[in-house]
Amino acid sequence: MPTGISIFLIAAGAILYFAVSTSVSGLNLDTVGVILMIVGGLGLVVSLLMLATARGRVGRTTFVSGTTPVQADTTVVHEDAL
């Protein structure tokens, strides 16, 4: 979701900067457009970095021949160990 919001901010800023020629008293729409594009770009970079680091934290599963696979971070208790 944050990636989509960032892309939306970039698009809205580009529209204000490149396509809108109306002037508003006390507000420069070109500046607002540039600010939105910068904020959207920073948000996009941050969300992609968070996504990349989250993928690295996923548990890895090792399969050993002749055993039943279990989920990562699961404690396995064998009946003969009791």
PDB file of N, CA and C in Angstrom:
ATOM      1  N   MET A   1       0.798  -1.194   0.000  1.00  0.00           N
ATOM      2  CA  MET A   1       0.000   0.000   0.000  1.00  0.00           C
ATOM      3  C   MET A   1       0.849   1.270   0.000  1.00  0.00           C
ATOM      4  N   PRO A   2       1.914   1.354   0.810  1.00  0.00           N
ATOM      5  CA  PRO A   2       2.728   2.570   0.773  1.00  0.00           C
ATOM      6  C   PRO A   2       3.342   2.832  -0.599  1.00  0.00           C
ATOM      7  N   THR A   3       3.632   1.778  -1.353  1.00  0.00           N
ATOM      8  CA  THR A   3       4.189   1.968  -2.690  1.00  0.00           C
ATOM      9  C   THR A   3       3.168   2.648  -3.592  1.00  0.00           C
ATOM     10  N   GLY A   4       1.927   2.239  -3.506  1.00  0.00           N
ATOM     11  CA  GLY A   4       0.872   2.842  -4.315  1.00  0.00           C
ATOM     12  C   GLY A   4       0.636   4.299  -3.955  1.00  0.00           C
ATOM     13  N   ILE A   5       0.684   4.611  -2.671  1.00  0.00           N
ATOM     14  CA  ILE A   5       0.508   5.997  -2.238  1.00  0.00           C
ATOM     15  C   ILE A   5       1.663   6.855  -2.747  1.00  0.00           C
ATOM     16  N   SER A   6       2.863   6.331  -2.704  1.00  0.00           N
ATOM     17  CA  SER A   6       4.025   7.074  -3.192  1.00  0.00           C
ATOM     18  C   SER A   6       3.915   7.354  -4.685  1.00  0.00           C
ATOM     19  N   ILE A   7       3.493   6.358  -5.445  1.00  0.00           N
ATOM     20  CA  ILE A   7       3.321   6.558  -6.890  1.00  0.00           C
ATOM     21  C   ILE A   7       2.223   7.578  -7.159  1.00  0.00           C
ATOM     22  N   PHE A   8       1.148   7.538  -6.364  1.00  0.00           N
ATOM     23  CA  PHE A   8       0.084   8.528  -6.502  1.00  0.00           C
ATOM     24  C   PHE A   8       0.609   9.939  -6.239  1.00  0.00           C
ATOM     25  N   LEU A   9       1.423  10.115  -5.190  1.00  0.00           N
ATOM     26  CA  LEU A   9       1.980  11.435  -4.889  1.00  0.00           C
ATOM     27  C   LEU A   9       2.889  11.925  -6.013  1.00  0.00           C
ATOM     28  N   ILE A  10       3.680  11.037  -6.574  1.00  0.00           N
ATOM     29  CA  ILE A  10       4.548  11.422  -7.691  1.00  0.00           C
ATOM     30  C   ILE A  10       3.700  11.866  -8.886  1.00  0.00           C
ATOM     31  N   ALA A  11       2.649  11.109  -9.187  1.00  0.00           N
ATOM     32  CA  ALA A  11       1.787  11.457 -10.323  1.00  0.00           C
ATOM     33  C   ALA A  11       1.054  12.770 -10.076  1.00  0.00           C
ATOM     34  N   ALA A  12       0.525  12.968  -8.871  1.00  0.00           N
ATOM     35  CA  ALA A  12      -0.184  14.221  -8.567  1.00  0.00           C
ATOM     36  C   ALA A  12       0.771  15.410  -8.643  1.00  0.00           C
ATOM     37  N   GLY A  13       1.992  15.239  -8.139  1.00  0.00           N
ATOM     38  CA  GLY A  13       2.976  16.317  -8.222  1.00  0.00           C
ATOM     39  C   GLY A  13       3.365  16.632  -9.650  1.00  0.00           C
ATOM     40  N   ALA A  14       3.510  15.593 -10.472  1.00  0.00           N
ATOM     41  CA  ALA A  14       3.858  15.820 -11.880  1.00  0.00           C
ATOM     42  C   ALA A  14       2.733  16.535 -12.609  1.00  0.00           C
ATOM     43  N   ILE A  15       1.503  16.181 -12.290  1.00  0.00           N
ATOM     44  CA  ILE A  15       0.363  16.869 -12.917  1.00  0.00           C
ATOM     45  C   ILE A  15       0.359  18.342 -12.513  1.00  0.00           C
ATOM     46  N   LEU A  16       0.565  18.625 -11.231  1.00  0.00           N
ATOM     47  CA  LEU A  16       0.587  20.025 -10.788  1.00  0.00           C
ATOM     48  C   LEU A  16       1.750  20.792 -11.409  1.00  0.00           C
ATOM     49  N   TYR A  17       2.884  20.152 -11.541  1.00  0.00           N
ATOM     50  CA  TYR A  17       4.069  20.848 -12.050  1.00  0.00           C
ATOM     51  C   TYR A  17       4.030  21.042 -13.562  1.00  0.00           C
ATOM     52  N   PHE A  18       3.645  19.990 -14.305  1.00  0.00           N
ATOM     53  CA  PHE A  18       3.745  20.050 -15.761  1.00  0.00           C
ATOM     54  C   PHE A  18       2.440  20.431 -16.469  1.00  0.00           C
ATOM     55  N   ALA A  19       1.284  20.095 -15.910  1.00  0.00           N
ATOM     56  CA  ALA A  19       0.046  20.231 -16.664  1.00  0.00           C
ATOM     57  C   ALA A  19      -0.848  21.387 -16.223  1.00  0.00           C
ATOM     58  N   VAL A  20      -0.722  21.846 -15.014  1.00  0.00           N
ATOM     59  CA  VAL A  20      -1.622  22.893 -14.520  1.00  0.00           C
ATOM     60  C   VAL A  20      -0.979  24.244 -14.762  1.00  0.00           C
ATOM     61  N   SER A  21      -1.724  25.127 -15.433  1.00  0.00           N
ATOM     62  CA  SER A  21      -1.200  26.461 -15.705  1.00  0.00           C
ATOM     63  C   SER A  21      -1.985  27.545 -14.963  1.00  0.00           C
ATOM     64  N   THR A  22      -2.891  27.146 -14.114  1.00  0.00           N
ATOM     65  CA  THR A  22      -3.680  28.090 -13.337  1.00  0.00           C
ATOM     66  C   THR A  22      -2.847  28.621 -12.179  1.00  0.00           C
ATOM     67  N   SER A  23      -3.030  29.895 -11.869  1.00  0.00           N
ATOM     68  CA  SER A  23      -2.317  30.458 -10.724  1.00  0.00           C
ATOM     69  C   SER A  23      -3.301  30.672  -9.580  1.00  0.00           C
ATOM     70  N   VAL A  24      -2.813  30.419  -8.390  1.00  0.00           N
ATOM     71  CA  VAL A  24      -3.615  30.588  -7.192  1.00  0.00           C
ATOM     72  C   VAL A  24      -2.949  31.652  -6.343  1.00  0.00           C
ATOM     73  N   SER A  25      -3.744  32.559  -5.815  1.00  0.00           N
ATOM     74  CA  SER A  25      -3.192  33.645  -5.006  1.00  0.00           C
ATOM     75  C   SER A  25      -2.576  33.091  -3.727  1.00  0.00           C
ATOM     76  N   GLY A  26      -1.318  33.390  -3.489  1.00  0.00           N
ATOM     77  CA  GLY A  26      -0.634  32.982  -2.276  1.00  0.00           C
ATOM     78  C   GLY A  26      -0.093  31.564  -2.299  1.00  0.00           C
ATOM     79  N   LEU A  27      -0.193  30.873  -3.454  1.00  0.00           N
ATOM     80  CA  LEU A  27       0.265  29.490  -3.540  1.00  0.00           C
ATOM     81  C   LEU A  27       0.860  29.245  -4.922  1.00  0.00           C
ATOM     82  N   ASN A  28       2.067  28.749  -4.958  1.00  0.00           N
ATOM     83  CA  ASN A  28       2.720  28.429  -6.215  1.00  0.00           C
ATOM     84  C   ASN A  28       2.528  26.937  -6.481  1.00  0.00           C
ATOM     85  N   LEU A  29       1.702  26.596  -7.446  1.00  0.00           N
ATOM     86  CA  LEU A  29       1.389  25.190  -7.722  1.00  0.00           C
ATOM     87  C   LEU A  29       2.593  24.415  -8.242  1.00  0.00           C
ATOM     88  N   ASP A  30       3.521  25.106  -8.913  1.00  0.00           N
ATOM     89  CA  ASP A  30       4.744  24.428  -9.355  1.00  0.00           C
ATOM     90  C   ASP A  30       5.556  23.933  -8.156  1.00  0.00           C
ATOM     91  N   THR A  31       5.654  24.761  -7.131  1.00  0.00           N
ATOM     92  CA  THR A  31       6.391  24.370  -5.931  1.00  0.00           C
ATOM     93  C   THR A  31       5.693  23.221  -5.218  1.00  0.00           C
ATOM     94  N   VAL A  32       4.374  23.275  -5.131  1.00  0.00           N
ATOM     95  CA  VAL A  32       3.618  22.196  -4.506  1.00  0.00           C
ATOM     96  C   VAL A  32       3.835  20.893  -5.284  1.00  0.00           C
ATOM     97  N   GLY A  33       3.850  20.979  -6.605  1.00  0.00           N
ATOM     98  CA  GLY A  33       4.086  19.802  -7.430  1.00  0.00           C
ATOM     99  C   GLY A  33       5.453  19.192  -7.200  1.00  0.00           C
ATOM    100  N   VAL A  34       6.470  20.035  -7.116  1.00  0.00           N
ATOM    101  CA  VAL A  34       7.829  19.536  -6.868  1.00  0.00           C
ATOM    102  C   VAL A  34       7.917  18.894  -5.487  1.00  0.00           C
ATOM    103  N   ILE A  35       7.296  19.519  -4.490  1.00  0.00           N
ATOM    104  CA  ILE A  35       7.311  18.957  -3.133  1.00  0.00           C
ATOM    105  C   ILE A  35       6.627  17.595  -3.116  1.00  0.00           C
ATOM    106  N   LEU A  36       5.479  17.464  -3.775  1.00  0.00           N
ATOM    107  CA  LEU A  36       4.782  16.180  -3.820  1.00  0.00           C
ATOM    108  C   LEU A  36       5.619  15.109  -4.521  1.00  0.00           C
ATOM    109  N   MET A  37       6.303  15.488  -5.601  1.00  0.00           N
ATOM    110  CA  MET A  37       7.145  14.513  -6.295  1.00  0.00           C
ATOM    111  C   MET A  37       8.316  14.064  -5.425  1.00  0.00           C
ATOM    112  N   ILE A  38       8.920  14.987  -4.677  1.00  0.00           N
ATOM    113  CA  ILE A  38      10.044  14.633  -3.802  1.00  0.00           C
ATOM    114  C   ILE A  38       9.573  13.725  -2.673  1.00  0.00           C
ATOM    115  N   VAL A  39       8.451  14.082  -2.041  1.00  0.00           N
ATOM    116  CA  VAL A  39       7.920  13.264  -0.944  1.00  0.00           C
ATOM    117  C   VAL A  39       7.519  11.877  -1.459  1.00  0.00           C
ATOM    118  N   GLY A  40       6.897  11.822  -2.625  1.00  0.00           N
ATOM    119  CA  GLY A  40       6.531  10.538  -3.204  1.00  0.00           C
ATOM    120  C   GLY A  40       7.741   9.695  -3.546  1.00  0.00           C
ATOM    121  N   GLY A  41       8.785  10.318  -4.068  1.00  0.00           N
ATOM    122  CA  GLY A  41      10.011   9.588  -4.391  1.00  0.00           C
ATOM    123  C   GLY A  41      10.696   9.043  -3.147  1.00  0.00           C
ATOM    124  N   LEU A  42      10.755   9.850  -2.096  1.00  0.00           N
ATOM    125  CA  LEU A  42      11.347   9.376  -0.844  1.00  0.00           C
ATOM    126  C   LEU A  42      10.517   8.244  -0.242  1.00  0.00           C
ATOM    127  N   GLY A  43       9.199   8.379  -0.291  1.00  0.00           N
ATOM    128  CA  GLY A  43       8.334   7.321   0.218  1.00  0.00           C
ATOM    129  C   GLY A  43       8.491   6.038  -0.571  1.00  0.00           C
ATOM    130  N   LEU A  44       8.660   6.155  -1.869  1.00  0.00           N
ATOM    131  CA  LEU A  44       8.852   4.971  -2.713  1.00  0.00           C
ATOM    132  C   LEU A  44      10.160   4.266  -2.376  1.00  0.00           C
ATOM    133  N   VAL A  45      11.223   5.033  -2.195  1.00  0.00           N
ATOM    134  CA  VAL A  45      12.515   4.442  -1.850  1.00  0.00           C
ATOM    135  C   VAL A  45      12.437   3.745  -0.492  1.00  0.00           C
ATOM    136  N   VAL A  46      11.817   4.398   0.489  1.00  0.00           N
ATOM    137  CA  VAL A  46      11.711   3.808   1.822  1.00  0.00           C
ATOM    138  C   VAL A  46      10.864   2.535   1.789  1.00  0.00           C
ATOM    139  N   SER A  47       9.737   2.564   1.077  1.00  0.00           N
ATOM    140  CA  SER A  47       8.877   1.376   1.040  1.00  0.00           C
ATOM    141  C   SER A  47       9.553   0.222   0.306  1.00  0.00           C
ATOM    142  N   LEU A  48      10.318   0.506  -0.744  1.00  0.00           N
ATOM    143  CA  LEU A  48      11.032  -0.566  -1.438  1.00  0.00           C
ATOM    144  C   LEU A  48      12.164  -1.129  -0.587  1.00  0.00           C
ATOM    145  N   LEU A  49      12.836  -0.286   0.182  1.00  0.00           N
ATOM    146  CA  LEU A  49      13.873  -0.781   1.092  1.00  0.00           C
ATOM    147  C   LEU A  49      13.269  -1.656   2.180  1.00  0.00           C
ATOM    148  N   MET A  50      12.134  -1.246   2.718  1.00  0.00           N
ATOM    149  CA  MET A  50      11.474  -2.056   3.747  1.00  0.00           C
ATOM    150  C   MET A  50      11.019  -3.390   3.164  1.00  0.00           C
ATOM    151  N   LEU A  51      10.530  -3.378   1.935  1.00  0.00           N
ATOM    152  CA  LEU A  51      10.094  -4.610   1.290  1.00  0.00           C
ATOM    153  C   LEU A  51      11.282  -5.540   1.041  1.00  0.00           C
ATOM    154  N   ALA A  52      12.406  -4.976   0.635  1.00  0.00           N
ATOM    155  CA  ALA A  52      13.595  -5.788   0.367  1.00  0.00           C
ATOM    156  C   ALA A  52      14.147  -6.407   1.645  1.00  0.00           C
ATOM    157  N   THR A  53      14.146  -5.664   2.735  1.00  0.00           N
ATOM    158  CA  THR A  53      14.661  -6.220   3.984  1.00  0.00           C
ATOM    159  C   THR A  53      13.689  -7.222   4.583  1.00  0.00           C
ATOM    160  N   ALA A  54      12.404  -7.060   4.364  1.00  0.00           N
ATOM    161  CA  ALA A  54      11.420  -8.016   4.894  1.00  0.00           C
ATOM    162  C   ALA A  54      11.543  -9.356   4.184  1.00  0.00           C
ATOM    163  N   ARG A  55      11.863  -9.350   2.927  1.00  0.00           N
ATOM    164  CA  ARG A  55      12.033 -10.601   2.194  1.00  0.00           C
ATOM    165  C   ARG A  55      13.245 -11.371   2.695  1.00  0.00           C
ATOM    166  N   GLY A  56      14.253 -10.697   3.190  1.00  0.00           N
ATOM    167  CA  GLY A  56      15.446 -11.360   3.689  1.00  0.00           C
ATOM    168  C   GLY A  56      15.237 -12.017   5.037  1.00  0.00           C
ATOM    169  N   ARG A  57      14.177 -11.624   5.759  1.00  0.00           N
ATOM    170  CA  ARG A  57      13.926 -12.158   7.093  1.00  0.00           C
ATOM    171  C   ARG A  57      13.045 -13.395   7.088  1.00  0.00           C
ATOM    172  N   VAL A  58      12.571 -13.811   5.959  1.00  0.00           N
ATOM    173  CA  VAL A  58      11.705 -14.977   5.884  1.00  0.00           C
ATOM    174  C   VAL A  58      12.523 -16.209   6.221  1.00  0.00           C
ATOM    175  N   GLY A  59      11.957 -17.098   7.049  1.00  0.00           N
ATOM    176  CA  GLY A  59      12.670 -18.301   7.462  1.00  0.00           C
ATOM    177  C   GLY A  59      12.962 -19.224   6.296  1.00  0.00           C
ATOM    178  N   ARG A  60      14.053 -19.902   6.380  1.00  0.00           N
ATOM    179  CA  ARG A  60      14.435 -20.832   5.332  1.00  0.00           C
ATOM    180  C   ARG A  60      14.131 -22.253   5.801  1.00  0.00           C
ATOM    181  N   THR A  61      13.723 -23.100   4.885  1.00  0.00           N
ATOM    182  CA  THR A  61      13.399 -24.483   5.197  1.00  0.00           C
ATOM    183  C   THR A  61      14.451 -25.386   4.581  1.00  0.00           C
ATOM    184  N   THR A  62      14.978 -26.289   5.383  1.00  0.00           N
ATOM    185  CA  THR A  62      15.951 -27.262   4.902  1.00  0.00           C
ATOM    186  C   THR A  62      15.294 -28.632   4.881  1.00  0.00           C
ATOM    187  N   PHE A  63      15.365 -29.293   3.762  1.00  0.00           N
ATOM    188  CA  PHE A  63      14.781 -30.615   3.628  1.00  0.00           C
ATOM    189  C   PHE A  63      15.885 -31.660   3.735  1.00  0.00           C
ATOM    190  N   VAL A  64      15.670 -32.626   4.607  1.00  0.00           N
ATOM    191  CA  VAL A  64      16.620 -33.723   4.785  1.00  0.00           C
ATOM    192  C   VAL A  64      15.930 -34.975   4.291  1.00  0.00           C
ATOM    193  N   SER A  65      16.615 -35.712   3.473  1.00  0.00           N
ATOM    194  CA  SER A  65      16.041 -36.921   2.905  1.00  0.00           C
ATOM    195  C   SER A  65      15.639 -37.910   3.992  1.00  0.00           C
ATOM    196  N   GLY A  66      14.418 -38.417   3.889  1.00  0.00           N
ATOM    197  CA  GLY A  66      13.947 -39.416   4.830  1.00  0.00           C
ATOM    198  C   GLY A  66      13.273 -38.847   6.067  1.00  0.00           C
ATOM    199  N   THR A  67      13.090 -37.514   6.146  1.00  0.00           N
ATOM    200  CA  THR A  67      12.422 -36.910   7.296  1.00  0.00           C
ATOM    201  C   THR A  67      11.191 -36.151   6.839  1.00  0.00           C
ATOM    202  N   THR A  68      10.318 -35.847   7.771  1.00  0.00           N
ATOM    203  CA  THR A  68       9.136 -35.063   7.471  1.00  0.00           C
ATOM    204  C   THR A  68       9.474 -33.583   7.623  1.00  0.00           C
ATOM    205  N   PRO A  69       9.199 -32.750   6.608  1.00  0.00           N
ATOM    206  CA  PRO A  69       9.516 -31.329   6.730  1.00  0.00           C
ATOM    207  C   PRO A  69       8.593 -30.656   7.754  1.00  0.00           C
ATOM    208  N   VAL A  70       9.128 -29.698   8.494  1.00  0.00           N
ATOM    209  CA  VAL A  70       8.356 -28.923   9.464  1.00  0.00           C
ATOM    210  C   VAL A  70       8.531 -27.450   9.153  1.00  0.00           C
ATOM    211  N   GLN A  71       7.673 -26.611   9.737  1.00  0.00           N
ATOM    212  CA  GLN A  71       7.791 -25.172   9.531  1.00  0.00           C
ATOM    213  C   GLN A  71       9.031 -24.642  10.226  1.00  0.00           C
ATOM    214  N   ALA A  72       9.561 -23.520   9.705  1.00  0.00           N
ATOM    215  CA  ALA A  72      10.699 -22.878  10.344  1.00  0.00           C
ATOM    216  C   ALA A  72      10.280 -22.375  11.723  1.00  0.00           C
ATOM    217  N   ASP A  73      11.214 -22.308  12.628  1.00  0.00           N
ATOM    218  CA  ASP A  73      10.979 -21.850  13.992  1.00  0.00           C
ATOM    219  C   ASP A  73       9.967 -22.724  14.723  1.00  0.00           C
ATOM    220  N   THR A  74       9.941 -24.019  14.457  1.00  0.00           N
ATOM    221  CA  THR A  74       9.030 -24.955  15.113  1.00  0.00           C
ATOM    222  C   THR A  74       9.856 -25.951  15.909  1.00  0.00           C
ATOM    223  N   THR A  75       9.431 -26.193  17.130  1.00  0.00           N
ATOM    224  CA  THR A  75      10.110 -27.182  17.964  1.00  0.00           C
ATOM    225  C   THR A  75       9.492 -28.544  17.706  1.00  0.00           C
ATOM    226  N   VAL A  76      10.329 -29.522  17.424  1.00  0.00           N
ATOM    227  CA  VAL A  76       9.861 -30.881  17.146  1.00  0.00           C
ATOM    228  C   VAL A  76      10.232 -31.766  18.340  1.00  0.00           C
ATOM    229  N   VAL A  77       9.237 -32.435  18.915  1.00  0.00           N
ATOM    230  CA  VAL A  77       9.467 -33.334  20.044  1.00  0.00           C
ATOM    231  C   VAL A  77       9.166 -34.734  19.572  1.00  0.00           C
ATOM    232  N   HIS A  78      10.142 -35.621  19.691  1.00  0.00           N
ATOM    233  CA  HIS A  78       9.948 -37.012  19.313  1.00  0.00           C
ATOM    234  C   HIS A  78       9.440 -37.784  20.530  1.00  0.00           C
ATOM    235  N   GLU A  79       8.556 -38.721  20.299  1.00  0.00           N
ATOM    236  CA  GLU A  79       7.956 -39.489  21.390  1.00  0.00           C
ATOM    237  C   GLU A  79       8.998 -40.310  22.133  1.00  0.00           C
ATOM    238  N   ASP A  80      10.012 -40.795  21.442  1.00  0.00           N
ATOM    239  CA  ASP A  80      11.000 -41.630  22.101  1.00  0.00           C
ATOM    240  C   ASP A  80      11.941 -40.811  22.989  1.00  0.00           C
ATOM    241  N   ALA A  81      11.907 -39.469  22.853  1.00  0.00           N
ATOM    242  CA  ALA A  81      12.743 -38.620  23.676  1.00  0.00           C
ATOM    243  C   ALA A  81      12.120 -38.379  25.045  1.00  0.00           C
ATOM    244  N   LEU A  82      10.852 -38.672  25.206  1.00  0.00           N
ATOM    245  CA  LEU A  82      10.170 -38.447  26.481  1.00  0.00           C
ATOM    246  C   LEU A  82      10.493 -39.566  27.377  1.00  0.00           C
TER     247      LEU A  82
END
